[in-house]
PDB file of N, CA and C in Angstrom:
ATOM      1  N   UNK A   1       0.911  12.058  -9.358  1.00  0.00           N
ATOM      2  CA  UNK A   1      -0.335  11.433  -9.839  1.00  0.00           C
ATOM      3  C   UNK A   1       0.098  10.314 -10.816  1.00  0.00           C
ATOM      4  N   UNK A   2       1.221  10.471 -11.567  1.00  0.00           N
ATOM      5  CA  UNK A   2       1.624   9.483 -12.497  1.00  0.00           C
ATOM      6  C   UNK A   2       1.958   8.109 -11.840  1.00  0.00           C
ATOM      7  N   UNK A   3       2.519   8.211 -10.661  1.00  0.00           N
ATOM      8  CA  UNK A   3       2.905   6.979  -9.890  1.00  0.00           C
ATOM      9  C   UNK A   3       1.597   6.112  -9.638  1.00  0.00           C
ATOM     10  N   UNK A   4       0.486   6.774  -9.246  1.00  0.00           N
ATOM     11  CA  UNK A   4      -0.759   6.093  -9.017  1.00  0.00           C
ATOM     12  C   UNK A   4      -1.198   5.421 -10.290  1.00  0.00           C
ATOM     13  N   UNK A   5      -1.136   6.077 -11.306  1.00  0.00           N
ATOM     14  CA  UNK A   5      -1.657   5.399 -12.588  1.00  0.00           C
ATOM     15  C   UNK A   5      -0.709   4.205 -12.961  1.00  0.00           C
ATOM     16  N   UNK A   6       0.556   4.447 -12.922  1.00  0.00           N
ATOM     17  CA  UNK A   6       1.415   3.326 -13.310  1.00  0.00           C
ATOM     18  C   UNK A   6       1.367   2.118 -12.443  1.00  0.00           C
ATOM     19  N   UNK A   7       1.108   2.346 -11.101  1.00  0.00           N
ATOM     20  CA  UNK A   7       0.909   1.202 -10.107  1.00  0.00           C
ATOM     21  C   UNK A   7      -0.368   0.538 -10.457  1.00  0.00           C
ATOM     22  N   UNK A   8      -1.456   1.304 -10.763  1.00  0.00           N
ATOM     23  CA  UNK A   8      -2.726   0.761 -11.063  1.00  0.00           C
ATOM     24  C   UNK A   8      -2.665  -0.047 -12.382  1.00  0.00           C
ATOM     25  N   UNK A   9      -2.047   0.486 -13.403  1.00  0.00           N
ATOM     26  CA  UNK A   9      -1.927  -0.224 -14.677  1.00  0.00           C
ATOM     27  C   UNK A   9      -1.157  -1.493 -14.590  1.00  0.00           C
ATOM     28  N   UNK A  10       0.074  -1.442 -13.990  1.00  0.00           N
ATOM     29  CA  UNK A  10       0.994  -2.558 -13.936  1.00  0.00           C
ATOM     30  C   UNK A  10       0.327  -3.676 -12.986  1.00  0.00           C
ATOM     31  N   UNK A  11      -0.150  -3.277 -11.768  1.00  0.00           N
ATOM     32  CA  UNK A  11      -0.779  -4.222 -10.921  1.00  0.00           C
ATOM     33  C   UNK A  11      -1.993  -4.833 -11.510  1.00  0.00           C
ATOM     34  N   UNK A  12      -2.771  -4.027 -12.130  1.00  0.00           N
ATOM     35  CA  UNK A  12      -3.996  -4.496 -12.790  1.00  0.00           C
ATOM     36  C   UNK A  12      -3.693  -5.448 -13.955  1.00  0.00           C
ATOM     37  N   UNK A  13      -2.704  -5.114 -14.758  1.00  0.00           N
ATOM     38  CA  UNK A  13      -2.294  -5.945 -15.888  1.00  0.00           C
ATOM     39  C   UNK A  13      -1.888  -7.334 -15.349  1.00  0.00           C
ATOM     40  N   UNK A  14      -1.092  -7.367 -14.248  1.00  0.00           N
ATOM     41  CA  UNK A  14      -0.618  -8.724 -13.758  1.00  0.00           C
ATOM     42  C   UNK A  14      -1.864  -9.502 -13.250  1.00  0.00           C
ATOM     43  N   UNK A  15      -2.812  -8.767 -12.618  1.00  0.00           N
ATOM     44  CA  UNK A  15      -3.961  -9.470 -12.142  1.00  0.00           C
ATOM     45  C   UNK A  15      -4.895  -9.946 -13.276  1.00  0.00           C
ATOM     46  N   UNK A  16      -4.992  -9.186 -14.337  1.00  0.00           N
ATOM     47  CA  UNK A  16      -5.780  -9.459 -15.513  1.00  0.00           C
ATOM     48  C   UNK A  16      -5.179 -10.828 -16.188  1.00  0.00           C
ATOM     49  N   UNK A  17      -3.819 -10.789 -16.348  1.00  0.00           N
ATOM     50  CA  UNK A  17      -3.161 -11.977 -16.834  1.00  0.00           C
ATOM     51  C   UNK A  17      -3.420 -13.159 -16.013  1.00  0.00           C
ATOM     52  N   UNK A  18      -3.412 -13.130 -14.800  1.00  0.00           N
ATOM     53  CA  UNK A  18      -3.689 -14.250 -13.920  1.00  0.00           C
ATOM     54  C   UNK A  18      -5.175 -14.727 -14.087  1.00  0.00           C
ATOM     55  N   UNK A  19      -6.044 -13.790 -14.146  1.00  0.00           N
ATOM     56  CA  UNK A  19      -7.479 -14.100 -14.239  1.00  0.00           C
ATOM     57  C   UNK A  19      -7.774 -14.732 -15.645  1.00  0.00           C
ATOM     58  N   UNK A  20      -7.198 -14.147 -16.707  1.00  0.00           N
ATOM     59  CA  UNK A  20      -7.318 -14.760 -18.017  1.00  0.00           C
ATOM     60  C   UNK A  20      -6.775 -16.207 -18.045  1.00  0.00           C
ATOM     61  N   UNK A  21      -5.661 -16.432 -17.429  1.00  0.00           N
ATOM     62  CA  UNK A  21      -5.117 -17.748 -17.438  1.00  0.00           C
ATOM     63  C   UNK A  21      -6.077 -18.700 -16.759  1.00  0.00           C
ATOM     64  N   UNK A  22      -6.727 -18.288 -15.618  1.00  0.00           N
ATOM     65  CA  UNK A  22      -7.636 -19.163 -14.950  1.00  0.00           C
ATOM     66  C   UNK A  22      -8.963 -19.393 -15.835  1.00  0.00           C
ATOM     67  N   UNK A  23      -9.413 -18.333 -16.479  1.00  0.00           N
ATOM     68  CA  UNK A  23     -10.637 -18.379 -17.187  1.00  0.00           C
ATOM     69  C   UNK A  23     -10.538 -19.018 -18.540  1.00  0.00           C
ATOM     70  N   UNK A  24      -9.472 -18.885 -19.255  1.00  0.00           N
ATOM     71  CA  UNK A  24      -9.370 -19.378 -20.647  1.00  0.00           C
ATOM     72  C   UNK A  24      -8.457 -20.599 -20.821  1.00  0.00           C
ATOM     73  N   UNK A  25      -7.872 -21.038 -19.753  1.00  0.00           N
ATOM     74  CA  UNK A  25      -7.003 -22.331 -19.916  1.00  0.00           C
ATOM     75  C   UNK A  25      -7.504 -23.274 -18.829  1.00  0.00           C
ATOM     76  N   UNK A  26      -7.035 -24.554 -18.982  1.00  0.00           N
ATOM     77  CA  UNK A  26      -7.344 -25.539 -17.944  1.00  0.00           C
ATOM     78  C   UNK A  26      -6.522 -25.426 -16.653  1.00  0.00           C
ATOM     79  N   UNK A  27      -5.785 -24.336 -16.490  1.00  0.00           N
ATOM     80  CA  UNK A  27      -4.876 -24.227 -15.294  1.00  0.00           C
ATOM     81  C   UNK A  27      -5.709 -23.958 -14.050  1.00  0.00           C
ATOM     82  N   UNK A  28      -5.416 -24.500 -12.973  1.00  0.00           N
ATOM     83  CA  UNK A  28      -6.048 -24.242 -11.662  1.00  0.00           C
ATOM     84  C   UNK A  28      -5.457 -22.951 -11.038  1.00  0.00           C
ATOM     85  N   UNK A  29      -6.083 -22.442 -10.049  1.00  0.00           N
ATOM     86  CA  UNK A  29      -5.542 -21.287  -9.320  1.00  0.00           C
ATOM     87  C   UNK A  29      -4.132 -21.583  -8.811  1.00  0.00           C
ATOM     88  N   UNK A  30      -3.901 -22.837  -8.339  1.00  0.00           N
ATOM     89  CA  UNK A  30      -2.585 -23.108  -7.758  1.00  0.00           C
ATOM     90  C   UNK A  30      -1.481 -23.093  -8.895  1.00  0.00           C
ATOM     91  N   UNK A  31      -1.921 -23.615 -10.110  1.00  0.00           N
ATOM     92  CA  UNK A  31      -0.995 -23.461 -11.234  1.00  0.00           C
ATOM     93  C   UNK A  31      -0.687 -22.165 -11.633  1.00  0.00           C
ATOM     94  N   UNK A  32      -1.616 -21.220 -11.674  1.00  0.00           N
ATOM     95  CA  UNK A  32      -1.503 -19.861 -12.068  1.00  0.00           C
ATOM     96  C   UNK A  32      -0.596 -19.103 -11.027  1.00  0.00           C
ATOM     97  N   UNK A  33      -0.936 -19.383  -9.741  1.00  0.00           N
ATOM     98  CA  UNK A  33      -0.121 -18.758  -8.624  1.00  0.00           C
ATOM     99  C   UNK A  33       1.430 -19.181  -8.813  1.00  0.00           C
ATOM    100  N   UNK A  34       1.632 -20.466  -9.055  1.00  0.00           N
ATOM    101  CA  UNK A  34       3.033 -20.962  -9.140  1.00  0.00           C
ATOM    102  C   UNK A  34       3.627 -20.283 -10.414  1.00  0.00           C
ATOM    103  N   UNK A  35       2.848 -20.188 -11.506  1.00  0.00           N
ATOM    104  CA  UNK A  35       3.403 -19.598 -12.773  1.00  0.00           C
ATOM    105  C   UNK A  35       3.781 -18.178 -12.511  1.00  0.00           C
ATOM    106  N   UNK A  36       2.982 -17.398 -11.825  1.00  0.00           N
ATOM    107  CA  UNK A  36       3.266 -15.958 -11.643  1.00  0.00           C
ATOM    108  C   UNK A  36       4.418 -15.832 -10.688  1.00  0.00           C
ATOM    109  N   UNK A  37       4.655 -16.725  -9.684  1.00  0.00           N
ATOM    110  CA  UNK A  37       5.869 -16.635  -8.983  1.00  0.00           C
ATOM    111  C   UNK A  37       7.068 -16.916  -9.707  1.00  0.00           C
ATOM    112  N   UNK A  38       6.950 -17.911 -10.611  1.00  0.00           N
ATOM    113  CA  UNK A  38       8.129 -18.198 -11.451  1.00  0.00           C
ATOM    114  C   UNK A  38       8.393 -17.066 -12.371  1.00  0.00           C
ATOM    115  N   UNK A  39       7.365 -16.500 -12.995  1.00  0.00           N
ATOM    116  CA  UNK A  39       7.568 -15.373 -13.918  1.00  0.00           C
ATOM    117  C   UNK A  39       8.298 -14.217 -13.247  1.00  0.00           C
ATOM    118  N   UNK A  40       7.909 -13.895 -11.961  1.00  0.00           N
ATOM    119  CA  UNK A  40       8.595 -12.919 -11.243  1.00  0.00           C
ATOM    120  C   UNK A  40       9.990 -13.228 -10.934  1.00  0.00           C
ATOM    121  N   UNK A  41      10.282 -14.543 -10.658  1.00  0.00           N
ATOM    122  CA  UNK A  41      11.668 -14.953 -10.372  1.00  0.00           C
ATOM    123  C   UNK A  41      12.491 -14.827 -11.678  1.00  0.00           C
ATOM    124  N   UNK A  42      11.990 -15.295 -12.743  1.00  0.00           N
ATOM    125  CA  UNK A  42      12.699 -15.217 -13.995  1.00  0.00           C
ATOM    126  C   UNK A  42      12.970 -13.739 -14.368  1.00  0.00           C
ATOM    127  N   UNK A  43      11.983 -12.910 -14.219  1.00  0.00           N
ATOM    128  CA  UNK A  43      12.175 -11.522 -14.505  1.00  0.00           C
ATOM    129  C   UNK A  43      13.227 -10.867 -13.667  1.00  0.00           C
ATOM    130  N   UNK A  44      13.384 -11.194 -12.393  1.00  0.00           N
ATOM    131  CA  UNK A  44      14.403 -10.723 -11.520  1.00  0.00           C
ATOM    132  C   UNK A  44      15.769 -11.232 -11.937  1.00  0.00           C
ATOM    133  N   UNK A  45      15.797 -12.549 -12.434  1.00  0.00           N
ATOM    134  CA  UNK A  45      17.071 -13.116 -12.840  1.00  0.00           C
ATOM    135  C   UNK A  45      17.571 -12.426 -14.090  1.00  0.00           C
ATOM    136  N   UNK A  46      16.693 -12.032 -14.899  1.00  0.00           N
ATOM    137  CA  UNK A  46      17.013 -11.241 -16.129  1.00  0.00           C
ATOM    138  C   UNK A  46      17.347  -9.823 -15.888  1.00  0.00           C
ATOM    139  N   UNK A  47      17.054  -9.323 -14.666  1.00  0.00           N
ATOM    140  CA  UNK A  47      17.235  -7.888 -14.350  1.00  0.00           C
ATOM    141  C   UNK A  47      16.027  -7.044 -14.845  1.00  0.00           C
ATOM    142  N   UNK A  48      14.873  -7.582 -15.081  1.00  0.00           N
ATOM    143  CA  UNK A  48      13.742  -6.786 -15.585  1.00  0.00           C
ATOM    144  C   UNK A  48      12.800  -6.347 -14.428  1.00  0.00           C
ATOM    145  N   UNK A  49      12.818  -7.061 -13.268  1.00  0.00           N
ATOM    146  CA  UNK A  49      11.801  -6.769 -12.234  1.00  0.00           C
ATOM    147  C   UNK A  49      12.137  -5.435 -11.562  1.00  0.00           C
ATOM    148  N   UNK A  50      13.408  -5.210 -11.301  1.00  0.00           N
ATOM    149  CA  UNK A  50      13.779  -4.009 -10.575  1.00  0.00           C
ATOM    150  C   UNK A  50      13.427  -2.687 -11.263  1.00  0.00           C
ATOM    151  N   UNK A  51      13.565  -2.611 -12.579  1.00  0.00           N
ATOM    152  CA  UNK A  51      13.040  -1.370 -13.355  1.00  0.00           C
ATOM    153  C   UNK A  51      11.505  -1.318 -13.395  1.00  0.00           C
ATOM    154  N   UNK A  52      10.820  -2.525 -13.266  1.00  0.00           N
ATOM    155  CA  UNK A  52       9.315  -2.455 -13.164  1.00  0.00           C
ATOM    156  C   UNK A  52       8.859  -1.948 -11.783  1.00  0.00           C
ATOM    157  N   UNK A  53       9.650  -2.285 -10.729  1.00  0.00           N
ATOM    158  CA  UNK A  53       9.321  -1.777  -9.427  1.00  0.00           C
ATOM    159  C   UNK A  53       9.573  -0.184  -9.492  1.00  0.00           C
ATOM    160  N   UNK A  54      10.675   0.251 -10.046  1.00  0.00           N
ATOM    161  CA  UNK A  54      10.941   1.658 -10.133  1.00  0.00           C
ATOM    162  C   UNK A  54       9.840   2.336 -10.856  1.00  0.00           C
ATOM    163  N   UNK A  55       9.276   1.762 -11.901  1.00  0.00           N
ATOM    164  CA  UNK A  55       8.211   2.378 -12.661  1.00  0.00           C
ATOM    165  C   UNK A  55       6.814   2.409 -11.977  1.00  0.00           C
ATOM    166  N   UNK A  56       6.531   1.171 -11.394  1.00  0.00           N
ATOM    167  CA  UNK A  56       5.160   0.982 -10.922  1.00  0.00           C
ATOM    168  C   UNK A  56       4.972   0.990  -9.413  1.00  0.00           C
ATOM    169  N   UNK A  57       6.143   0.976  -8.691  1.00  0.00           N
ATOM    170  CA  UNK A  57       5.938   1.002  -7.246  1.00  0.00           C
ATOM    171  C   UNK A  57       5.227  -0.256  -6.670  1.00  0.00           C
ATOM    172  N   UNK A  58       4.100   0.082  -5.981  1.00  0.00           N
ATOM    173  CA  UNK A  58       3.253  -0.930  -5.356  1.00  0.00           C
ATOM    174  C   UNK A  58       2.615  -1.851  -6.458  1.00  0.00           C
ATOM    175  N   UNK A  59       2.365  -1.242  -7.662  1.00  0.00           N
ATOM    176  CA  UNK A  59       1.821  -2.178  -8.704  1.00  0.00           C
ATOM    177  C   UNK A  59       2.680  -3.322  -9.012  1.00  0.00           C
ATOM    178  N   UNK A  60       3.942  -3.287  -8.690  1.00  0.00           N
ATOM    179  CA  UNK A  60       4.874  -4.373  -9.051  1.00  0.00           C
ATOM    180  C   UNK A  60       5.258  -5.108  -7.716  1.00  0.00           C
ATOM    181  N   UNK A  61       5.178  -4.409  -6.616  1.00  0.00           N
ATOM    182  CA  UNK A  61       5.621  -5.162  -5.393  1.00  0.00           C
ATOM    183  C   UNK A  61       4.434  -5.845  -4.576  1.00  0.00           C
ATOM    184  N   UNK A  62       3.245  -5.546  -4.879  1.00  0.00           N
ATOM    185  CA  UNK A  62       2.113  -6.163  -4.173  1.00  0.00           C
ATOM    186  C   UNK A  62       1.564  -7.461  -4.748  1.00  0.00           C
ATOM    187  N   UNK A  63       1.560  -7.621  -6.188  1.00  0.00           N
ATOM    188  CA  UNK A  63       1.159  -8.853  -6.702  1.00  0.00           C
ATOM    189  C   UNK A  63       2.138 -10.024  -6.446  1.00  0.00           C
ATOM    190  N   UNK A  64       1.675 -11.209  -6.565  1.00  0.00           N
ATOM    191  CA  UNK A  64       2.377 -12.419  -6.240  1.00  0.00           C
ATOM    192  C   UNK A  64       3.720 -12.586  -7.041  1.00  0.00           C
ATOM    193  N   UNK A  65       3.839 -11.919  -8.151  1.00  0.00           N
ATOM    194  CA  UNK A  65       5.083 -11.976  -8.929  1.00  0.00           C
ATOM    195  C   UNK A  65       6.204 -11.432  -8.104  1.00  0.00           C
ATOM    196  N   UNK A  66       5.890 -10.500  -7.188  1.00  0.00           N
ATOM    197  CA  UNK A  66       6.990  -9.943  -6.327  1.00  0.00           C
ATOM    198  C   UNK A  66       7.599 -10.901  -5.392  1.00  0.00           C
ATOM    199  N   UNK A  67       6.838 -12.000  -5.013  1.00  0.00           N
ATOM    200  CA  UNK A  67       7.393 -13.062  -4.171  1.00  0.00           C
ATOM    201  C   UNK A  67       8.561 -13.803  -4.888  1.00  0.00           C
ATOM    202  N   UNK A  68       8.285 -14.115  -6.116  1.00  0.00           N
ATOM    203  CA  UNK A  68       9.402 -14.680  -6.901  1.00  0.00           C
ATOM    204  C   UNK A  68      10.558 -13.821  -7.164  1.00  0.00           C
ATOM    205  N   UNK A  69      10.332 -12.538  -7.284  1.00  0.00           N
ATOM    206  CA  UNK A  69      11.275 -11.579  -7.361  1.00  0.00           C
ATOM    207  C   UNK A  69      12.107 -11.497  -5.983  1.00  0.00           C
ATOM    208  N   UNK A  70      11.468 -11.527  -4.894  1.00  0.00           N
ATOM    209  CA  UNK A  70      12.135 -11.503  -3.575  1.00  0.00           C
ATOM    210  C   UNK A  70      12.939 -12.720  -3.350  1.00  0.00           C
ATOM    211  N   UNK A  71      12.413 -13.863  -3.853  1.00  0.00           N
ATOM    212  CA  UNK A  71      13.221 -15.199  -3.569  1.00  0.00           C
ATOM    213  C   UNK A  71      14.552 -15.068  -4.354  1.00  0.00           C
ATOM    214  N   UNK A  72      14.532 -14.693  -5.591  1.00  0.00           N
ATOM    215  CA  UNK A  72      15.643 -14.675  -6.389  1.00  0.00           C
ATOM    216  C   UNK A  72      16.582 -13.514  -5.978  1.00  0.00           C
ATOM    217  N   UNK A  73      15.935 -12.338  -5.692  1.00  0.00           N
ATOM    218  CA  UNK A  73      16.830 -11.202  -5.239  1.00  0.00           C
ATOM    219  C   UNK A  73      17.549 -11.542  -3.989  1.00  0.00           C
ATOM    220  N   UNK A  74      16.964 -12.142  -2.972  1.00  0.00           N
ATOM    221  CA  UNK A  74      17.660 -12.457  -1.711  1.00  0.00           C
ATOM    222  C   UNK A  74      18.659 -13.608  -1.955  1.00  0.00           C
ATOM    223  N   UNK A  75      18.303 -14.576  -2.774  1.00  0.00           N
ATOM    224  CA  UNK A  75      19.304 -15.614  -3.094  1.00  0.00           C
ATOM    225  C   UNK A  75      20.562 -15.105  -3.749  1.00  0.00           C
ATOM    226  N   UNK A  76      20.389 -14.225  -4.728  1.00  0.00           N
ATOM    227  CA  UNK A  76      21.537 -13.720  -5.486  1.00  0.00           C
ATOM    228  C   UNK A  76      22.431 -12.721  -4.509  1.00  0.00           C
ATOM    229  N   UNK A  77      21.766 -11.980  -3.793  1.00  0.00           N
ATOM    230  CA  UNK A  77      22.426 -11.010  -2.886  1.00  0.00           C
ATOM    231  C   UNK A  77      23.239 -11.786  -1.759  1.00  0.00           C
ATOM    232  N   UNK A  78      22.604 -12.735  -1.167  1.00  0.00           N
ATOM    233  CA  UNK A  78      23.376 -13.440  -0.228  1.00  0.00           C
ATOM    234  C   UNK A  78      24.365 -14.429  -0.723  1.00  0.00           C
ATOM    235  N   UNK A  79      24.069 -14.940  -2.002  1.00  0.00           N
ATOM    236  CA  UNK A  79      25.033 -15.864  -2.631  1.00  0.00           C
ATOM    237  C   UNK A  79      26.292 -15.147  -3.029  1.00  0.00           C
ATOM    238  N   UNK A  80      26.249 -13.896  -3.365  1.00  0.00           N
ATOM    239  CA  UNK A  80      27.498 -13.100  -3.670  1.00  0.00           C
ATOM    240  C   UNK A  80      28.300 -12.980  -2.465  1.00  0.00           C
ATOM    241  N   UNK A  81      27.651 -12.817  -1.290  1.00  0.00           N
ATOM    242  CA  UNK A  81      28.411 -12.604   0.012  1.00  0.00           C
ATOM    243  C   UNK A  81      28.909 -13.827   0.631  1.00  0.00           C
ATOM    244  N   UNK A  82      28.026 -14.931   0.643  1.00  0.00           N
ATOM    245  CA  UNK A  82      28.276 -16.126   1.432  1.00  0.00           C
ATOM    246  C   UNK A  82      28.449 -17.410   0.615  1.00  0.00           C
ATOM    247  N   UNK A  83      28.314 -17.340  -0.687  1.00  0.00           N
ATOM    248  CA  UNK A  83      28.400 -18.600  -1.444  1.00  0.00           C
ATOM    249  C   UNK A  83      27.144 -19.374  -1.451  1.00  0.00           C
ATOM    250  N   UNK A  84      27.215 -20.726  -1.539  1.00  0.00           N
ATOM    251  CA  UNK A  84      26.083 -21.595  -1.657  1.00  0.00           C
ATOM    252  C   UNK A  84      25.204 -21.499  -0.400  1.00  0.00           C
ATOM    253  N   UNK A  85      25.763 -21.444   0.715  1.00  0.00           N
ATOM    254  CA  UNK A  85      24.929 -21.317   1.928  1.00  0.00           C
ATOM    255  C   UNK A  85      24.143 -20.033   1.899  1.00  0.00           C
ATOM    256  N   UNK A  86      24.689 -18.977   1.439  1.00  0.00           N
ATOM    257  CA  UNK A  86      24.084 -17.751   1.272  1.00  0.00           C
ATOM    258  C   UNK A  86      22.848 -17.791   0.392  1.00  0.00           C
ATOM    259  N   UNK A  87      22.931 -18.547  -0.658  1.00  0.00           N
ATOM    260  CA  UNK A  87      21.799 -18.773  -1.593  1.00  0.00           C
ATOM    261  C   UNK A  87      20.575 -19.256  -0.786  1.00  0.00           C
ATOM    262  N   UNK A  88      20.864 -20.254  -0.024  1.00  0.00           N
ATOM    263  CA  UNK A  88      19.733 -20.884   0.750  1.00  0.00           C
ATOM    264  C   UNK A  88      19.270 -19.935   1.902  1.00  0.00           C
ATOM    265  N   UNK A  89      20.068 -19.281   2.583  1.00  0.00           N
ATOM    266  CA  UNK A  89      19.586 -18.437   3.692  1.00  0.00           C
ATOM    267  C   UNK A  89      19.050 -17.128   3.159  1.00  0.00           C
ATOM    268  N   UNK A  90      19.574 -16.671   1.935  1.00  0.00           N
ATOM    269  CA  UNK A  90      19.104 -15.440   1.319  1.00  0.00           C
ATOM    270  C   UNK A  90      17.605 -15.557   0.875  1.00  0.00           C
ATOM    271  N   UNK A  91      17.212 -16.721   0.455  1.00  0.00           N
ATOM    272  CA  UNK A  91      15.792 -16.908   0.061  1.00  0.00           C
ATOM    273  C   UNK A  91      14.870 -16.629   1.225  1.00  0.00           C
ATOM    274  N   UNK A  92      15.208 -17.131   2.360  1.00  0.00           N
ATOM    275  CA  UNK A  92      14.309 -17.053   3.558  1.00  0.00           C
ATOM    276  C   UNK A  92      14.473 -15.685   4.209  1.00  0.00           C
ATOM    277  N   UNK A  93      15.596 -14.978   4.153  1.00  0.00           N
ATOM    278  CA  UNK A  93      15.862 -13.706   4.842  1.00  0.00           C
ATOM    279  C   UNK A  93      14.903 -12.635   4.332  1.00  0.00           C
ATOM    280  N   UNK A  94      14.656 -12.523   3.096  1.00  0.00           N
ATOM    281  CA  UNK A  94      13.816 -11.377   2.628  1.00  0.00           C
ATOM    282  C   UNK A  94      12.320 -11.832   2.777  1.00  0.00           C
ATOM    283  N   UNK A  95      11.953 -13.091   2.554  1.00  0.00           N
ATOM    284  CA  UNK A  95      10.580 -13.535   2.420  1.00  0.00           C
ATOM    285  C   UNK A  95      10.017 -13.978   3.779  1.00  0.00           C
ATOM    286  N   UNK A  96      10.852 -14.124   4.856  1.00  0.00           N
ATOM    287  CA  UNK A  96      10.413 -14.675   6.044  1.00  0.00           C
ATOM    288  C   UNK A  96       9.295 -13.882   6.773  1.00  0.00           C
ATOM    289  N   UNK A  97       9.319 -12.592   6.707  1.00  0.00           N
ATOM    290  CA  UNK A  97       8.342 -11.792   7.343  1.00  0.00           C
ATOM    291  C   UNK A  97       6.927 -12.085   6.704  1.00  0.00           C
ATOM    292  N   UNK A  98       6.851 -12.164   5.348  1.00  0.00           N
ATOM    293  CA  UNK A  98       5.653 -12.404   4.642  1.00  0.00           C
ATOM    294  C   UNK A  98       5.130 -13.839   4.908  1.00  0.00           C
ATOM    295  N   UNK A  99       6.024 -14.755   4.941  1.00  0.00           N
ATOM    296  CA  UNK A  99       5.591 -16.131   5.168  1.00  0.00           C
ATOM    297  C   UNK A  99       5.092 -16.310   6.557  1.00  0.00           C
ATOM    298  N   UNK A 100       5.774 -15.650   7.486  1.00  0.00           N
ATOM    299  CA  UNK A 100       5.317 -15.681   8.949  1.00  0.00           C
ATOM    300  C   UNK A 100       4.030 -15.033   9.132  1.00  0.00           C
ATOM    301  N   UNK A 101       3.836 -13.922   8.601  1.00  0.00           N
ATOM    302  CA  UNK A 101       2.474 -13.281   8.570  1.00  0.00           C
ATOM    303  C   UNK A 101       1.438 -14.111   8.067  1.00  0.00           C
ATOM    304  N   UNK A 102       1.579 -14.755   6.933  1.00  0.00           N
ATOM    305  CA  UNK A 102       0.649 -15.612   6.302  1.00  0.00           C
ATOM    306  C   UNK A 102       0.272 -16.784   7.226  1.00  0.00           C
ATOM    307  N   UNK A 103       1.295 -17.376   7.816  1.00  0.00           N
ATOM    308  CA  UNK A 103       1.019 -18.440   8.855  1.00  0.00           C
ATOM    309  C   UNK A 103       0.230 -17.993  10.065  1.00  0.00           C
ATOM    310  N   UNK A 104       0.676 -16.856  10.553  1.00  0.00           N
ATOM    311  CA  UNK A 104       0.068 -16.392  11.903  1.00  0.00           C
ATOM    312  C   UNK A 104      -1.522 -15.918  11.565  1.00  0.00           C
ATOM    313  N   UNK A 105      -1.660 -15.175  10.439  1.00  0.00           N
ATOM    314  CA  UNK A 105      -2.973 -14.696  10.235  1.00  0.00           C
ATOM    315  C   UNK A 105      -3.878 -15.822   9.721  1.00  0.00           C
ATOM    316  N   UNK A 106      -3.307 -16.815   9.048  1.00  0.00           N
ATOM    317  CA  UNK A 106      -4.126 -17.938   8.686  1.00  0.00           C
ATOM    318  C   UNK A 106      -4.564 -18.719   9.905  1.00  0.00           C
ATOM    319  N   UNK A 107      -3.756 -18.855  10.913  1.00  0.00           N
ATOM    320  CA  UNK A 107      -4.011 -19.546  12.137  1.00  0.00           C
ATOM    321  C   UNK A 107      -5.135 -18.853  12.872  1.00  0.00           C
ATOM    322  N   UNK A 108      -4.904 -17.505  13.017  1.00  0.00           N
ATOM    323  CA  UNK A 108      -5.895 -16.764  13.711  1.00  0.00           C
ATOM    324  C   UNK A 108      -7.245 -16.737  13.068  1.00  0.00           C
ATOM    325  N   UNK A 109      -7.246 -16.684  11.741  1.00  0.00           N
ATOM    326  CA  UNK A 109      -8.537 -16.747  10.968  1.00  0.00           C
ATOM    327  C   UNK A 109      -9.138 -18.140  11.263  1.00  0.00           C
ATOM    328  N   UNK A 110      -8.429 -19.194  11.316  1.00  0.00           N
ATOM    329  CA  UNK A 110      -8.976 -20.509  11.558  1.00  0.00           C
ATOM    330  C   UNK A 110      -9.557 -20.596  12.917  1.00  0.00           C
ATOM    331  N   UNK A 111      -9.056 -19.871  13.913  1.00  0.00           N
ATOM    332  CA  UNK A 111      -9.525 -19.876  15.283  1.00  0.00           C
ATOM    333  C   UNK A 111     -10.862 -19.140  15.267  1.00  0.00           C
ATOM    334  N   UNK A 112     -11.030 -18.054  14.524  1.00  0.00           N
ATOM    335  CA  UNK A 112     -12.193 -17.215  14.623  1.00  0.00           C
ATOM    336  C   UNK A 112     -13.374 -17.763  13.793  1.00  0.00           C
ATOM    337  N   UNK A 113     -13.025 -18.205  12.574  1.00  0.00           N
ATOM    338  CA  UNK A 113     -14.094 -18.691  11.632  1.00  0.00           C
ATOM    339  C   UNK A 113     -14.132 -20.194  11.592  1.00  0.00           C
ATOM    340  N   UNK A 114     -15.314 -20.767  11.485  1.00  0.00           N
ATOM    341  CA  UNK A 114     -15.410 -22.227  11.345  1.00  0.00           C
ATOM    342  C   UNK A 114     -15.706 -22.558   9.872  1.00  0.00           C
ATOM    343  N   UNK A 115     -14.959 -23.550   9.318  1.00  0.00           N
ATOM    344  CA  UNK A 115     -15.224 -23.943   7.969  1.00  0.00           C
ATOM    345  C   UNK A 115     -16.565 -24.615   7.803  1.00  0.00           C
ATOM    346  N   UNK A 116     -17.129 -24.449   6.598  1.00  0.00           N
ATOM    347  CA  UNK A 116     -18.423 -25.047   6.227  1.00  0.00           C
ATOM    348  C   UNK A 116     -18.057 -26.456   5.894  1.00  0.00           C
ATOM    349  N   UNK A 117     -18.989 -27.307   6.137  1.00  0.00           N
ATOM    350  CA  UNK A 117     -18.732 -28.743   5.724  1.00  0.00           C
ATOM    351  C   UNK A 117     -19.406 -29.707   6.462  1.00  0.00           C
TER     352      UNK A 117
END
């Protein structure tokens, strides 16, 4: 039961921070999205994101901050194995499934629904 609460609290807190940034600052949703990805990347670089995942589970892996975490995590893991080329390939190795799914489902959605305008 504790895992559900920690996931709810951490995931909710990340979402609340993003919503507050959009409501209380002149930042656009694109700025907030980019900022949260960078925050996740920096937290992984400092070694803080993995303990957060251990504590909150899906509360830390579902929000957009985990994309930044995945980018840095993949780059550092492959960089240790293969050097500079590994940094570039490692970024895409971990995130390619999510990026591919977003492209495919976005395309399918565009086929089914017509934009207003």
